[in-house]
C-alpha atoms as a PDB file:
ATOM      1  CA  UNK A   1     -47.070-137.958 -84.311  1.00  0.00           C
ATOM      2  CA  UNK A   2     -47.951-141.394 -85.778  1.00  0.00           C
ATOM      3  CA  UNK A   3     -49.240-144.544 -84.178  1.00  0.00           C
ATOM      4  CA  UNK A   4     -49.643-147.979 -85.725  1.00  0.00           C
ATOM      5  CA  UNK A   5     -53.040-149.661 -85.806  1.00  0.00           C
ATOM      6  CA  UNK A   6     -53.511-153.005 -87.524  1.00  0.00           C
ATOM      7  CA  UNK A   7     -50.611-152.352 -89.852  1.00  0.00           C
ATOM      8  CA  UNK A   8     -52.009-148.983 -91.001  1.00  0.00           C
ATOM      9  CA  UNK A   9     -50.940-145.548 -89.899  1.00  0.00           C
ATOM     10  CA  UNK A  10     -53.299-143.191 -88.074  1.00  0.00           C
ATOM     11  CA  UNK A  11     -53.077-139.482 -88.849  1.00  0.00           C
ATOM     12  CA  UNK A  12     -52.932-137.251 -85.792  1.00  0.00           C
ATOM     13  CA  UNK A  13     -53.275-133.482 -85.544  1.00  0.00           C
ATOM     14  CA  UNK A  14     -52.439-131.827 -82.230  1.00  0.00           C
ATOM     15  CA  UNK A  15     -52.906-128.114 -81.603  1.00  0.00           C
ATOM     16  CA  UNK A  16     -53.092-125.723 -78.732  1.00  0.00           C
ATOM     17  CA  UNK A  17     -56.408-123.902 -78.888  1.00  0.00           C
ATOM     18  CA  UNK A  18     -55.866-120.163 -79.053  1.00  0.00           C
ATOM     19  CA  UNK A  19     -57.814-117.830 -76.815  1.00  0.00           C
ATOM     20  CA  UNK A  20     -60.332-115.631 -78.586  1.00  0.00           C
ATOM     21  CA  UNK A  21     -59.599-112.202 -77.140  1.00  0.00           C
ATOM     22  CA  UNK A  22     -57.535-110.844 -74.248  1.00  0.00           C
ATOM     23  CA  UNK A  23     -57.022-113.142 -71.306  1.00  0.00           C
ATOM     24  CA  UNK A  24     -55.160-113.538 -68.070  1.00  0.00           C
ATOM     25  CA  UNK A  25     -55.080-117.285 -68.740  1.00  0.00           C
ATOM     26  CA  UNK A  26     -52.106-118.860 -70.471  1.00  0.00           C
ATOM     27  CA  UNK A  27     -52.550-119.525 -74.210  1.00  0.00           C
ATOM     28  CA  UNK A  28     -51.823-123.217 -73.571  1.00  0.00           C
ATOM     29  CA  UNK A  29     -54.983-123.666 -71.480  1.00  0.00           C
ATOM     30  CA  UNK A  30     -56.551-126.179 -73.907  1.00  0.00           C
ATOM     31  CA  UNK A  31     -55.023-128.694 -76.305  1.00  0.00           C
ATOM     32  CA  UNK A  32     -56.971-130.658 -78.889  1.00  0.00           C
ATOM     33  CA  UNK A  33     -56.052-133.754 -80.887  1.00  0.00           C
ATOM     34  CA  UNK A  34     -57.905-135.193 -83.891  1.00  0.00           C
ATOM     35  CA  UNK A  35     -57.251-138.754 -85.067  1.00  0.00           C
ATOM     36  CA  UNK A  36     -58.966-140.830 -87.746  1.00  0.00           C
ATOM     37  CA  UNK A  37     -58.814-144.611 -87.788  1.00  0.00           C
ATOM     38  CA  UNK A  38     -58.042-146.025 -91.245  1.00  0.00           C
ATOM     39  CA  UNK A  39     -60.663-148.434 -92.591  1.00  0.00           C
ATOM     40  CA  UNK A  40     -60.075-151.314 -95.003  1.00  0.00           C
ATOM     41  CA  UNK A  41     -63.359-150.836 -96.900  1.00  0.00           C
ATOM     42  CA  UNK A  42     -66.155-148.285 -97.373  1.00  0.00           C
ATOM     43  CA  UNK A  43     -68.690-147.969 -94.557  1.00  0.00           C
ATOM     44  CA  UNK A  44     -68.523-146.252 -91.187  1.00  0.00           C
ATOM     45  CA  UNK A  45     -65.333-144.320 -90.461  1.00  0.00           C
ATOM     46  CA  UNK A  46     -64.590-142.960 -86.985  1.00  0.00           C
ATOM     47  CA  UNK A  47     -62.440-140.038 -85.942  1.00  0.00           C
ATOM     48  CA  UNK A  48     -61.801-139.083 -82.327  1.00  0.00           C
ATOM     49  CA  UNK A  49     -61.417-135.556 -81.008  1.00  0.00           C
ATOM     50  CA  UNK A  50     -59.761-135.218 -77.590  1.00  0.00           C
ATOM     51  CA  UNK A  51     -59.615-132.046 -75.529  1.00  0.00           C
ATOM     52  CA  UNK A  52     -57.208-131.631 -72.619  1.00  0.00           C
ATOM     53  CA  UNK A  53     -57.019-128.662 -70.250  1.00  0.00           C
ATOM     54  CA  UNK A  54     -53.664-127.524 -68.892  1.00  0.00           C
ATOM     55  CA  UNK A  55     -52.774-127.880 -65.217  1.00  0.00           C
ATOM     56  CA  UNK A  56     -54.926-125.611 -63.081  1.00  0.00           C
ATOM     57  CA  UNK A  57     -57.688-125.370 -65.727  1.00  0.00           C
ATOM     58  CA  UNK A  58     -60.882-127.354 -66.196  1.00  0.00           C
ATOM     59  CA  UNK A  59     -63.033-127.823 -69.282  1.00  0.00           C
ATOM     60  CA  UNK A  60     -66.574-126.552 -68.818  1.00  0.00           C
ATOM     61  CA  UNK A  61     -67.849-126.706 -72.396  1.00  0.00           C
ATOM     62  CA  UNK A  62     -66.717-127.937 -75.820  1.00  0.00           C
ATOM     63  CA  UNK A  63     -68.120-128.768 -79.229  1.00  0.00           C
ATOM     64  CA  UNK A  64     -66.925-129.482 -82.761  1.00  0.00           C
ATOM     65  CA  UNK A  65     -68.077-128.468 -86.224  1.00  0.00           C
ATOM     66  CA  UNK A  66     -67.069-130.445 -89.306  1.00  0.00           C
ATOM     67  CA  UNK A  67     -66.076-127.740 -91.787  1.00  0.00           C
ATOM     68  CA  UNK A  68     -64.668-129.969 -94.531  1.00  0.00           C
ATOM     69  CA  UNK A  69     -65.127-133.626 -95.421  1.00  0.00           C
ATOM     70  CA  UNK A  70     -64.131-135.539 -98.552  1.00  0.00           C
ATOM     71  CA  UNK A  71     -66.791-136.321-101.161  1.00  0.00           C
ATOM     72  CA  UNK A  72     -66.338-140.055-100.540  1.00  0.00           C
ATOM     73  CA  UNK A  73     -66.947-139.790 -96.754  1.00  0.00           C
ATOM     74  CA  UNK A  74     -69.749-137.520 -95.546  1.00  0.00           C
ATOM     75  CA  UNK A  75     -70.187-136.686 -91.837  1.00  0.00           C
ATOM     76  CA  UNK A  76     -73.184-138.157 -90.040  1.00  0.00           C
ATOM     77  CA  UNK A  77     -73.581-134.836 -88.193  1.00  0.00           C
ATOM     78  CA  UNK A  78     -72.196-131.443 -89.096  1.00  0.00           C
ATOM     79  CA  UNK A  79     -71.915-130.345 -85.456  1.00  0.00           C
ATOM     80  CA  UNK A  80     -71.168-132.473 -82.412  1.00  0.00           C
ATOM     81  CA  UNK A  81     -72.551-130.978 -79.209  1.00  0.00           C
ATOM     82  CA  UNK A  82     -71.392-131.318 -75.600  1.00  0.00           C
ATOM     83  CA  UNK A  83     -74.037-133.971 -74.896  1.00  0.00           C
ATOM     84  CA  UNK A  84     -72.151-136.367 -77.195  1.00  0.00           C
ATOM     85  CA  UNK A  85     -68.895-136.062 -75.253  1.00  0.00           C
ATOM     86  CA  UNK A  86     -67.578-138.842 -73.063  1.00  0.00           C
ATOM     87  CA  UNK A  87     -66.479-137.426 -69.731  1.00  0.00           C
ATOM     88  CA  UNK A  88     -62.895-138.191 -68.846  1.00  0.00           C
ATOM     89  CA  UNK A  89     -62.739-136.006 -65.734  1.00  0.00           C
ATOM     90  CA  UNK A  90     -62.721-132.250 -65.320  1.00  0.00           C
ATOM     91  CA  UNK A  91     -59.691-131.719 -67.537  1.00  0.00           C
ATOM     92  CA  UNK A  92     -60.342-134.063 -70.484  1.00  0.00           C
ATOM     93  CA  UNK A  93     -63.157-134.733 -72.924  1.00  0.00           C
ATOM     94  CA  UNK A  94     -63.379-136.846 -76.040  1.00  0.00           C
ATOM     95  CA  UNK A  95     -65.927-137.380 -78.747  1.00  0.00           C
ATOM     96  CA  UNK A  96     -66.350-139.615 -81.754  1.00  0.00           C
ATOM     97  CA  UNK A  97     -67.026-138.098 -85.144  1.00  0.00           C
ATOM     98  CA  UNK A  98     -68.641-140.552 -87.575  1.00  0.00           C
ATOM     99  CA  UNK A  99     -68.452-140.466 -91.358  1.00  0.00           C
ATOM    100  CA  UNK A 100     -70.034-142.722 -93.987  1.00  0.00           C
ATOM    101  CA  UNK A 101     -67.633-143.652 -96.768  1.00  0.00           C
ATOM    102  CA  UNK A 102     -69.284-144.665-100.035  1.00  0.00           C
ATOM    103  CA  UNK A 103     -66.020-145.462-101.846  1.00  0.00           C
ATOM    104  CA  UNK A 104     -62.332-145.884-101.086  1.00  0.00           C
ATOM    105  CA  UNK A 105     -60.140-142.808-100.923  1.00  0.00           C
ATOM    106  CA  UNK A 106     -57.664-140.698 -98.980  1.00  0.00           C
ATOM    107  CA  UNK A 107     -58.291-137.051 -98.143  1.00  0.00           C
ATOM    108  CA  UNK A 108     -58.378-134.579 -95.276  1.00  0.00           C
ATOM    109  CA  UNK A 109     -61.192-133.882 -92.831  1.00  0.00           C
ATOM    110  CA  UNK A 110     -61.271-130.493 -91.086  1.00  0.00           C
ATOM    111  CA  UNK A 111     -62.976-129.761 -87.778  1.00  0.00           C
ATOM    112  CA  UNK A 112     -63.428-126.511 -85.870  1.00  0.00           C
ATOM    113  CA  UNK A 113     -62.753-127.461 -82.229  1.00  0.00           C
ATOM    114  CA  UNK A 114     -64.198-125.027 -79.681  1.00  0.00           C
ATOM    115  CA  UNK A 115     -63.905-125.083 -75.893  1.00  0.00           C
ATOM    116  CA  UNK A 116     -64.267-123.013 -72.746  1.00  0.00           C
ATOM    117  CA  UNK A 117     -61.723-123.548 -69.974  1.00  0.00           C
ATOM    118  CA  UNK A 118     -61.871-122.047 -66.494  1.00  0.00           C
ATOM    119  CA  UNK A 119     -59.477-121.699 -63.606  1.00  0.00           C
ATOM    120  CA  UNK A 120     -59.999-120.540 -60.061  1.00  0.00           C
ATOM    121  CA  UNK A 121     -63.179-120.689 -58.000  1.00  0.00           C
ATOM    122  CA  UNK A 122     -65.952-118.360 -56.912  1.00  0.00           C
ATOM    123  CA  UNK A 123     -65.305-114.683 -57.569  1.00  0.00           C
ATOM    124  CA  UNK A 124     -61.739-115.522 -58.603  1.00  0.00           C
ATOM    125  CA  UNK A 125     -62.914-117.840 -61.408  1.00  0.00           C
ATOM    126  CA  UNK A 126     -61.758-116.831 -64.893  1.00  0.00           C
ATOM    127  CA  UNK A 127     -63.189-118.509 -68.010  1.00  0.00           C
ATOM    128  CA  UNK A 128     -62.151-117.989 -71.594  1.00  0.00           C
ATOM    129  CA  UNK A 129     -63.223-119.423 -74.956  1.00  0.00           C
ATOM    130  CA  UNK A 130     -60.791-121.189 -77.275  1.00  0.00           C
ATOM    131  CA  UNK A 131     -61.098-122.334 -80.876  1.00  0.00           C
ATOM    132  CA  UNK A 132     -58.856-123.958 -83.444  1.00  0.00           C
ATOM    133  CA  UNK A 133     -59.210-125.643 -86.803  1.00  0.00           C
ATOM    134  CA  UNK A 134     -57.836-129.221 -86.883  1.00  0.00           C
ATOM    135  CA  UNK A 135     -57.125-131.376 -89.922  1.00  0.00           C
ATOM    136  CA  UNK A 136     -56.503-135.120 -90.067  1.00  0.00           C
ATOM    137  CA  UNK A 137     -56.157-137.670 -92.833  1.00  0.00           C
ATOM    138  CA  UNK A 138     -59.181-139.861 -93.506  1.00  0.00           C
ATOM    139  CA  UNK A 139     -58.187-143.126 -95.229  1.00  0.00           C
ATOM    140  CA  UNK A 140     -60.574-145.753 -96.625  1.00  0.00           C
ATOM    141  CA  UNK A 141     -59.294-148.763 -98.565  1.00  0.00           C
ATOM    142  CA  UNK A 142     -55.726-149.413 -99.610  1.00  0.00           C
END
């Protein structure tokens, strides 16, 4: 999937987070998407991680761990916690991942996206963890 932004392409990675262990929930309970905005010059570079729960599920917790970043663009934080998420309702969350680019370059950034999704209520509530590694292109300069 590609979108145009200011004449530059934006890399997008979309995955369905797999359940860790046996579950009565569908494996499509959580989807995650990682995008990085291309920057014309070194400095701050932003990537956005979006989580979306499937119909009938709600997100109750999520975080992200940067597991790989290029030498030219180091992450400002290695782990982004739930407190840094912007609420987008019970089924969606998004967070910004910031990097500091010291030079121009093109390379991949890898993030471990983790989430917990629940469905049902009360004694019928069922919650399961999900995790998936996402990769997106980080582009600085021409």
